[in-house]
Amino acid sequence: MEIQYTFLQVKEGMTHAARVTVSSDPLIDGVKIAEKAGAQIPSFSSDWLEAARQGAEKALQAHLSLGGSRVGIEVVTVLGTEVDTRQDTVEVAAFCAAWKAFGHHESALKIEYDGRWTVCPKEAN
């Protein structure tokens, strides 16, 4: 099943945006990036793929630390714009998409901004 998460925030007069789609698959070990994950937009940054991988991996580790079962994640698409998308926004969007794919709810997450966007489960604090 594919899960899409759109991260869109305005902070200090700047828009921060990214959209990541993931698919959960018990046959995948860990986090995998689909071959065409960034092919949808011409202004795609390859750094976004690594940020998406890191975000999904952090979500997997948080899920496992809460006693969840191991399920693989494939990052299917990463979308953004040259102006509004940074690695941290992609990482947060990927974390949230993977978190939802593991069956958790977004309300269980804490998303913060201190010059850089971060996300973690509320229980982790």
C-alpha atoms as a PDB file:
ATOM      1  CA  MET A   1       0.000   0.000   0.000  1.00  0.00           C
ATOM      2  CA  GLU A   2       1.316   3.445  -0.923  1.00  0.00           C
ATOM      3  CA  ILE A   3       1.218   6.290   1.575  1.00  0.00           C
ATOM      4  CA  GLN A   4       1.847   9.886   0.561  1.00  0.00           C
ATOM      5  CA  TYR A   5       2.746  12.699   2.924  1.00  0.00           C
ATOM      6  CA  THR A   6       2.919  16.366   2.015  1.00  0.00           C
ATOM      7  CA  PHE A   7       4.919  18.567   4.351  1.00  0.00           C
ATOM      8  CA  LEU A   8       3.936  22.226   3.950  1.00  0.00           C
ATOM      9  CA  GLN A   9       4.783  24.867   6.520  1.00  0.00           C
ATOM     10  CA  VAL A  10       5.429  28.598   6.497  1.00  0.00           C
ATOM     11  CA  LYS A  11       8.003  29.758   9.013  1.00  0.00           C
ATOM     12  CA  GLU A  12       9.696  33.134   9.302  1.00  0.00           C
ATOM     13  CA  GLY A  13       8.090  34.202   6.031  1.00  0.00           C
ATOM     14  CA  MET A  14       9.455  31.225   4.076  1.00  0.00           C
ATOM     15  CA  THR A  15       7.546  28.286   2.638  1.00  0.00           C
ATOM     16  CA  HIS A  16       8.940  24.815   3.327  1.00  0.00           C
ATOM     17  CA  ALA A  17       7.493  22.003   1.221  1.00  0.00           C
ATOM     18  CA  ALA A  18       8.113  18.407   0.170  1.00  0.00           C
ATOM     19  CA  ARG A  19       5.967  15.448  -0.823  1.00  0.00           C
ATOM     20  CA  VAL A  20       7.125  11.867  -0.372  1.00  0.00           C
ATOM     21  CA  THR A  21       5.306   8.666  -1.292  1.00  0.00           C
ATOM     22  CA  VAL A  22       6.357   5.368   0.269  1.00  0.00           C
ATOM     23  CA  SER A  23       5.229   1.784  -0.004  1.00  0.00           C
ATOM     24  CA  SER A  24       5.527  -0.771   2.777  1.00  0.00           C
ATOM     25  CA  ASP A  25       6.710  -4.232   1.806  1.00  0.00           C
ATOM     26  CA  PRO A  26       7.637  -7.056   4.207  1.00  0.00           C
ATOM     27  CA  LEU A  27       9.960  -8.491   1.533  1.00  0.00           C
ATOM     28  CA  ILE A  28      12.200  -5.395   1.589  1.00  0.00           C
ATOM     29  CA  ASP A  29      14.941  -5.321   4.192  1.00  0.00           C
ATOM     30  CA  GLY A  30      15.169  -1.791   5.590  1.00  0.00           C
ATOM     31  CA  VAL A  31      14.661   1.176   3.284  1.00  0.00           C
ATOM     32  CA  LYS A  32      14.971   1.095  -0.495  1.00  0.00           C
ATOM     33  CA  ILE A  33      14.783   3.973  -2.993  1.00  0.00           C
ATOM     34  CA  ALA A  34      12.767   3.230  -6.141  1.00  0.00           C
ATOM     35  CA  GLU A  35      14.723   3.576  -9.358  1.00  0.00           C
ATOM     36  CA  LYS A  36      12.539   6.432 -10.623  1.00  0.00           C
ATOM     37  CA  ALA A  37      11.868   8.110  -7.264  1.00  0.00           C
ATOM     38  CA  GLY A  38      13.107  11.511  -8.435  1.00  0.00           C
ATOM     39  CA  ALA A  39      12.278  11.346 -12.116  1.00  0.00           C
ATOM     40  CA  GLN A  40       9.012  13.314 -11.870  1.00  0.00           C
ATOM     41  CA  ILE A  41      10.504  16.816 -11.815  1.00  0.00           C
ATOM     42  CA  PRO A  42      13.322  18.421 -13.805  1.00  0.00           C
ATOM     43  CA  SER A  43      14.694  20.429 -10.841  1.00  0.00           C
ATOM     44  CA  PHE A  44      15.212  17.317  -8.732  1.00  0.00           C
ATOM     45  CA  SER A  45      18.151  17.263  -6.318  1.00  0.00           C
ATOM     46  CA  SER A  46      19.835  13.900  -5.737  1.00  0.00           C
ATOM     47  CA  ASP A  47      20.389  15.009  -2.116  1.00  0.00           C
ATOM     48  CA  TRP A  48      16.635  14.691  -1.662  1.00  0.00           C
ATOM     49  CA  LEU A  49      16.833  10.922  -2.208  1.00  0.00           C
ATOM     50  CA  GLU A  50      19.361  10.537   0.592  1.00  0.00           C
ATOM     51  CA  ALA A  51      17.223  12.758   2.842  1.00  0.00           C
ATOM     52  CA  ALA A  52      14.163  10.614   2.051  1.00  0.00           C
ATOM     53  CA  ARG A  53      16.123   7.452   2.819  1.00  0.00           C
ATOM     54  CA  GLN A  54      17.309   8.896   6.124  1.00  0.00           C
ATOM     55  CA  GLY A  55      13.816  10.039   7.103  1.00  0.00           C
ATOM     56  CA  ALA A  56      12.257   6.659   6.327  1.00  0.00           C
ATOM     57  CA  GLU A  57      15.099   4.869   8.143  1.00  0.00           C
ATOM     58  CA  LYS A  58      14.619   7.047  11.246  1.00  0.00           C
ATOM     59  CA  ALA A  59      10.895   6.260  11.178  1.00  0.00           C
ATOM     60  CA  LEU A  60      11.662   2.538  10.909  1.00  0.00           C
ATOM     61  CA  GLN A  61      14.016   2.713  13.896  1.00  0.00           C
ATOM     62  CA  ALA A  62      11.442   4.654  15.950  1.00  0.00           C
ATOM     63  CA  HIS A  63       8.760   2.120  14.986  1.00  0.00           C
ATOM     64  CA  LEU A  64      10.994  -0.790  16.035  1.00  0.00           C
ATOM     65  CA  SER A  65      11.918   0.910  19.324  1.00  0.00           C
ATOM     66  CA  LEU A  66       8.210   1.062  20.157  1.00  0.00           C
ATOM     67  CA  GLY A  67       7.933  -2.712  19.649  1.00  0.00           C
ATOM     68  CA  GLY A  68       6.707  -2.616  16.061  1.00  0.00           C
ATOM     69  CA  SER A  69       7.381  -5.428  13.623  1.00  0.00           C
ATOM     70  CA  ARG A  70      10.053  -5.068  10.960  1.00  0.00           C
ATOM     71  CA  VAL A  71       8.554  -3.952   7.657  1.00  0.00           C
ATOM     72  CA  GLY A  72      10.532  -2.676   4.700  1.00  0.00           C
ATOM     73  CA  ILE A  73       9.858   0.670   3.063  1.00  0.00           C
ATOM     74  CA  GLU A  74      10.365   1.719  -0.536  1.00  0.00           C
ATOM     75  CA  VAL A  75      10.530   5.443  -1.270  1.00  0.00           C
ATOM     76  CA  VAL A  76       8.448   5.649  -4.447  1.00  0.00           C
ATOM     77  CA  THR A  77       8.468   9.388  -5.211  1.00  0.00           C
ATOM     78  CA  VAL A  78      10.053  12.558  -3.898  1.00  0.00           C
ATOM     79  CA  LEU A  79       8.617  15.879  -5.062  1.00  0.00           C
ATOM     80  CA  GLY A  80       9.638  19.431  -4.304  1.00  0.00           C
ATOM     81  CA  THR A  81      10.636  22.757  -5.786  1.00  0.00           C
ATOM     82  CA  GLU A  82      14.013  24.437  -6.075  1.00  0.00           C
ATOM     83  CA  VAL A  83      12.810  27.337  -3.944  1.00  0.00           C
ATOM     84  CA  ASP A  84      10.777  25.676  -1.165  1.00  0.00           C
ATOM     85  CA  THR A  85      12.368  22.244  -0.691  1.00  0.00           C
ATOM     86  CA  ARG A  86      15.424  21.468   1.386  1.00  0.00           C
ATOM     87  CA  GLN A  87      16.851  18.195   2.638  1.00  0.00           C
ATOM     88  CA  ASP A  88      15.290  18.643   6.074  1.00  0.00           C
ATOM     89  CA  THR A  89      11.787  19.071   4.636  1.00  0.00           C
ATOM     90  CA  VAL A  90      12.204  15.921   2.535  1.00  0.00           C
ATOM     91  CA  GLU A  91      13.478  14.015   5.569  1.00  0.00           C
ATOM     92  CA  VAL A  92      10.441  15.060   7.628  1.00  0.00           C
ATOM     93  CA  ALA A  93       8.019  14.190   4.812  1.00  0.00           C
ATOM     94  CA  ALA A  94       9.637  10.755   4.391  1.00  0.00           C
ATOM     95  CA  PHE A  95       9.581  10.110   8.147  1.00  0.00           C
ATOM     96  CA  CYS A  96       5.883  11.009   8.322  1.00  0.00           C
ATOM     97  CA  ALA A  97       4.953   8.925   5.268  1.00  0.00           C
ATOM     98  CA  ALA A  98       6.824   5.882   6.610  1.00  0.00           C
ATOM     99  CA  TRP A  99       5.364   6.437  10.093  1.00  0.00           C
ATOM    100  CA  LYS A 100       1.865   6.314   8.632  1.00  0.00           C
ATOM    101  CA  ALA A 101       2.766   3.245   6.546  1.00  0.00           C
ATOM    102  CA  PHE A 102       3.711   1.476   9.803  1.00  0.00           C
ATOM    103  CA  GLY A 103       0.185   2.150  11.077  1.00  0.00           C
ATOM    104  CA  HIS A 104       0.964   5.064  13.380  1.00  0.00           C
ATOM    105  CA  HIS A 105      -0.874   8.380  13.432  1.00  0.00           C
ATOM    106  CA  GLU A 106       0.651  11.741  12.633  1.00  0.00           C
ATOM    107  CA  SER A 107      -0.691  13.148  15.927  1.00  0.00           C
ATOM    108  CA  ALA A 108       1.901  10.978  17.735  1.00  0.00           C
ATOM    109  CA  LEU A 109       4.716  13.016  16.166  1.00  0.00           C
ATOM    110  CA  LYS A 110       6.444  16.185  17.239  1.00  0.00           C
ATOM    111  CA  ILE A 111       7.613  18.383  14.351  1.00  0.00           C
ATOM    112  CA  GLU A 112       9.820  21.307  15.309  1.00  0.00           C
ATOM    113  CA  TYR A 113      11.714  24.097  13.599  1.00  0.00           C
ATOM    114  CA  ASP A 114      14.895  25.700  14.878  1.00  0.00           C
ATOM    115  CA  GLY A 115      16.439  26.799  11.604  1.00  0.00           C
ATOM    116  CA  ARG A 116      16.025  23.178  10.505  1.00  0.00           C
ATOM    117  CA  TRP A 117      12.957  20.925  10.552  1.00  0.00           C
ATOM    118  CA  THR A 118      13.050  17.822  12.762  1.00  0.00           C
ATOM    119  CA  VAL A 119      10.517  15.135  13.611  1.00  0.00           C
ATOM    120  CA  CYS A 120      10.329  12.459  16.286  1.00  0.00           C
ATOM    121  CA  PRO A 121       7.662  10.472  18.124  1.00  0.00           C
ATOM    122  CA  LYS A 122       6.265  12.347  21.108  1.00  0.00           C
ATOM    123  CA  GLU A 123       7.004   9.298  23.302  1.00  0.00           C
ATOM    124  CA  ALA A 124      10.727   9.640  22.558  1.00  0.00           C
ATOM    125  CA  ASN A 125      11.043  12.765  24.709  1.00  0.00           C
END
